Amino acid sequence: MTGSYPHAPRRGRAVAAAWIVLRADDRGWQQWHVLALLVMMSLRELDFDKRFLSEGILQLRLYSGPSSVWEKLLGL
């Protein structure tokens, strides 16, 4: 694929997260979970679930396979 289409979902989530942060008022963060979900989705798209461990943190092999104990504890 060429052009900016592959980056459109990432940009859309960044715009939505910025909109939530900028619209926060003095009553607090009543919809903090939406912002957290957008951030987690963006990190997953950037492969942060596979970047720091030998297996992806969402893979069952991390917990039931031959991974080290510290990786298993980090995944919990």
N, C-alpha and C. Protein backbone atom coordinates (compact mmCIF):
# COMPACT_ATOMS: atom_id res chain seq x y z
N MET A 1 0.84 -1.18 0.00
CA MET A 1 0.00 0.00 0.00
C MET A 1 0.88 1.24 0.00
N THR A 2 0.44 2.22 -0.69
CA THR A 2 1.17 3.47 -0.71
C THR A 2 0.27 4.59 -0.21
N GLY A 3 0.87 5.70 0.05
CA GLY A 3 0.09 6.84 0.52
C GLY A 3 -0.06 6.83 2.02
N SER A 4 -1.00 7.60 2.51
CA SER A 4 -1.16 7.75 3.96
C SER A 4 -2.26 6.85 4.52
N TYR A 5 -2.89 6.01 3.69
CA TYR A 5 -3.96 5.16 4.20
C TYR A 5 -3.52 4.21 5.31
N PRO A 6 -2.34 3.56 5.23
CA PRO A 6 -1.96 2.66 6.33
C PRO A 6 -1.82 3.37 7.67
N HIS A 7 -1.57 4.66 7.66
CA HIS A 7 -1.41 5.41 8.90
C HIS A 7 -2.71 6.04 9.38
N ALA A 8 -3.77 5.92 8.63
CA ALA A 8 -5.04 6.58 8.99
C ALA A 8 -5.61 6.08 10.32
N PRO A 9 -5.64 4.78 10.60
CA PRO A 9 -6.18 4.36 11.91
C PRO A 9 -5.35 4.88 13.07
N ARG A 10 -4.03 4.89 12.93
CA ARG A 10 -3.16 5.39 13.99
C ARG A 10 -3.40 6.88 14.22
N ARG A 11 -3.52 7.62 13.15
CA ARG A 11 -3.78 9.06 13.28
C ARG A 11 -5.17 9.32 13.86
N GLY A 12 -6.13 8.51 13.48
CA GLY A 12 -7.48 8.67 14.00
C GLY A 12 -7.53 8.45 15.50
N ARG A 13 -6.83 7.42 15.98
CA ARG A 13 -6.80 7.17 17.42
C ARG A 13 -6.05 8.28 18.15
N ALA A 14 -5.00 8.82 17.56
CA ALA A 14 -4.26 9.91 18.19
C ALA A 14 -5.13 11.16 18.29
N VAL A 15 -5.90 11.44 17.25
CA VAL A 15 -6.80 12.60 17.28
C VAL A 15 -7.89 12.40 18.32
N ALA A 16 -8.44 11.19 18.40
CA ALA A 16 -9.48 10.91 19.39
C ALA A 16 -8.94 11.03 20.82
N ALA A 17 -7.72 10.53 21.05
CA ALA A 17 -7.13 10.63 22.38
C ALA A 17 -6.86 12.09 22.75
N ALA A 18 -6.36 12.87 21.80
CA ALA A 18 -6.12 14.29 22.06
C ALA A 18 -7.43 15.02 22.35
N TRP A 19 -8.48 14.66 21.63
CA TRP A 19 -9.78 15.28 21.84
C TRP A 19 -10.30 14.99 23.25
N ILE A 20 -10.12 13.75 23.71
CA ILE A 20 -10.57 13.39 25.06
C ILE A 20 -9.78 14.17 26.11
N VAL A 21 -8.46 14.27 25.92
CA VAL A 21 -7.61 14.98 26.89
C VAL A 21 -7.98 16.47 26.93
N LEU A 22 -8.19 17.06 25.77
CA LEU A 22 -8.49 18.49 25.72
C LEU A 22 -9.88 18.83 26.25
N ARG A 23 -10.81 17.89 26.17
CA ARG A 23 -12.16 18.15 26.63
C ARG A 23 -12.38 17.78 28.08
N ALA A 24 -11.35 17.32 28.77
CA ALA A 24 -11.50 16.97 30.18
C ALA A 24 -11.77 18.24 30.98
N ASP A 25 -12.73 18.15 31.87
CA ASP A 25 -13.09 19.33 32.65
C ASP A 25 -12.72 19.12 34.13
N ASP A 26 -13.19 20.00 34.97
CA ASP A 26 -12.84 19.96 36.39
C ASP A 26 -13.50 18.80 37.14
N ARG A 27 -14.51 18.19 36.56
CA ARG A 27 -15.19 17.07 37.24
C ARG A 27 -14.35 15.81 37.24
N GLY A 28 -13.28 15.83 36.54
CA GLY A 28 -12.41 14.66 36.52
C GLY A 28 -12.54 13.88 35.22
N TRP A 29 -11.91 12.78 35.23
CA TRP A 29 -11.86 11.94 34.04
C TRP A 29 -12.94 10.87 34.16
N GLN A 30 -14.15 11.19 33.77
CA GLN A 30 -15.24 10.23 33.88
C GLN A 30 -15.13 9.15 32.80
N GLN A 31 -14.48 9.45 31.71
CA GLN A 31 -14.34 8.46 30.64
C GLN A 31 -12.87 8.12 30.42
N TRP A 32 -12.13 7.89 31.48
CA TRP A 32 -10.72 7.57 31.40
C TRP A 32 -10.50 6.25 30.68
N HIS A 33 -11.47 5.34 30.79
CA HIS A 33 -11.32 4.02 30.19
C HIS A 33 -11.29 4.09 28.66
N VAL A 34 -11.96 5.06 28.07
CA VAL A 34 -11.93 5.22 26.62
C VAL A 34 -10.53 5.64 26.18
N LEU A 35 -9.94 6.56 26.91
CA LEU A 35 -8.58 7.00 26.61
C LEU A 35 -7.59 5.85 26.79
N ALA A 36 -7.75 5.08 27.85
CA ALA A 36 -6.86 3.94 28.08
C ALA A 36 -6.99 2.91 26.96
N LEU A 37 -8.20 2.66 26.50
CA LEU A 37 -8.41 1.72 25.41
C LEU A 37 -7.77 2.21 24.11
N LEU A 38 -7.89 3.48 23.82
CA LEU A 38 -7.26 4.04 22.62
C LEU A 38 -5.74 3.92 22.69
N VAL A 39 -5.18 4.18 23.85
CA VAL A 39 -3.73 4.07 24.00
C VAL A 39 -3.29 2.62 23.85
N MET A 40 -4.01 1.68 24.46
CA MET A 40 -3.65 0.26 24.33
C MET A 40 -3.78 -0.23 22.89
N MET A 41 -4.79 0.23 22.18
CA MET A 41 -4.94 -0.16 20.78
C MET A 41 -3.78 0.37 19.94
N SER A 42 -3.36 1.59 20.21
CA SER A 42 -2.25 2.17 19.47
C SER A 42 -0.95 1.44 19.77
N LEU A 43 -0.72 1.10 21.03
CA LEU A 43 0.49 0.37 21.38
C LEU A 43 0.50 -1.02 20.76
N ARG A 44 -0.65 -1.65 20.69
CA ARG A 44 -0.72 -2.98 20.05
C ARG A 44 -0.41 -2.87 18.57
N GLU A 45 -0.89 -1.83 17.91
CA GLU A 45 -0.61 -1.66 16.49
C GLU A 45 0.87 -1.40 16.24
N LEU A 46 1.54 -0.79 17.19
CA LEU A 46 2.97 -0.54 17.07
C LEU A 46 3.80 -1.74 17.57
N ASP A 47 3.15 -2.87 17.82
CA ASP A 47 3.77 -4.13 18.25
C ASP A 47 4.45 -4.03 19.61
N PHE A 48 3.91 -3.23 20.51
CA PHE A 48 4.47 -3.16 21.86
C PHE A 48 4.17 -4.43 22.63
N ASP A 49 3.20 -5.25 22.18
CA ASP A 49 2.91 -6.49 22.87
C ASP A 49 3.97 -7.55 22.58
N LYS A 50 4.82 -7.34 21.55
CA LYS A 50 5.86 -8.30 21.19
C LYS A 50 7.26 -7.72 21.36
N ARG A 51 7.37 -6.47 21.64
CA ARG A 51 8.68 -5.80 21.61
C ARG A 51 9.59 -6.17 22.77
N PHE A 52 9.07 -6.40 23.95
CA PHE A 52 9.91 -6.55 25.12
C PHE A 52 10.02 -7.98 25.64
N LEU A 53 9.27 -8.91 25.06
CA LEU A 53 9.29 -10.29 25.51
C LEU A 53 9.63 -11.21 24.35
N SER A 54 10.03 -12.46 24.66
CA SER A 54 10.35 -13.41 23.59
C SER A 54 9.10 -13.83 22.83
N GLU A 55 7.99 -13.94 23.51
CA GLU A 55 6.69 -14.21 22.89
C GLU A 55 5.83 -12.97 23.08
N GLY A 56 4.79 -12.84 22.30
CA GLY A 56 3.87 -11.73 22.51
C GLY A 56 3.13 -11.90 23.82
N ILE A 57 2.83 -10.81 24.49
CA ILE A 57 2.19 -10.88 25.80
C ILE A 57 0.78 -11.45 25.71
N LEU A 58 0.20 -11.45 24.51
CA LEU A 58 -1.14 -11.99 24.32
C LEU A 58 -1.11 -13.45 23.85
N GLN A 59 0.07 -14.05 23.74
CA GLN A 59 0.20 -15.43 23.29
C GLN A 59 0.15 -16.38 24.48
N LEU A 60 -0.55 -17.49 24.34
CA LEU A 60 -0.62 -18.48 25.41
C LEU A 60 0.73 -19.15 25.63
N ARG A 61 1.56 -19.23 24.58
CA ARG A 61 2.88 -19.85 24.71
C ARG A 61 3.76 -19.13 25.73
N LEU A 62 3.52 -17.86 25.95
CA LEU A 62 4.29 -17.13 26.95
C LEU A 62 4.08 -17.72 28.33
N TYR A 63 2.87 -18.13 28.64
CA TYR A 63 2.53 -18.61 29.98
C TYR A 63 2.69 -20.12 30.13
N SER A 64 2.48 -20.88 29.06
CA SER A 64 2.54 -22.34 29.17
C SER A 64 3.79 -22.93 28.53
N GLY A 65 4.57 -22.14 27.85
CA GLY A 65 5.76 -22.63 27.16
C GLY A 65 7.03 -22.48 27.97
N PRO A 66 8.16 -22.59 27.30
CA PRO A 66 9.46 -22.55 27.98
C PRO A 66 10.00 -21.14 28.23
N SER A 67 9.16 -20.17 28.34
CA SER A 67 9.62 -18.80 28.60
C SER A 67 10.16 -18.69 30.02
N SER A 68 11.00 -17.69 30.24
CA SER A 68 11.59 -17.52 31.58
C SER A 68 10.51 -17.08 32.59
N VAL A 69 10.84 -17.27 33.85
CA VAL A 69 9.88 -16.97 34.91
C VAL A 69 9.59 -15.48 34.99
N TRP A 70 10.60 -14.63 34.78
CA TRP A 70 10.38 -13.20 34.89
C TRP A 70 9.47 -12.71 33.78
N GLU A 71 9.52 -13.32 32.57
CA GLU A 71 8.61 -12.94 31.50
C GLU A 71 7.18 -13.35 31.83
N LYS A 72 7.03 -14.52 32.42
CA LYS A 72 5.70 -14.97 32.81
C LYS A 72 5.10 -14.06 33.89
N LEU A 73 5.91 -13.65 34.85
CA LEU A 73 5.42 -12.75 35.90
C LEU A 73 5.11 -11.36 35.33
N LEU A 74 5.92 -10.91 34.40
CA LEU A 74 5.67 -9.61 33.77
C LEU A 74 4.36 -9.64 32.99
N GLY A 75 4.04 -10.78 32.39
CA GLY A 75 2.81 -10.91 31.62
C GLY A 75 1.55 -10.92 32.47
N LEU A 76 1.69 -11.34 33.73
CA LEU A 76 0.52 -11.35 34.60
C LEU A 76 0.19 -9.97 35.02
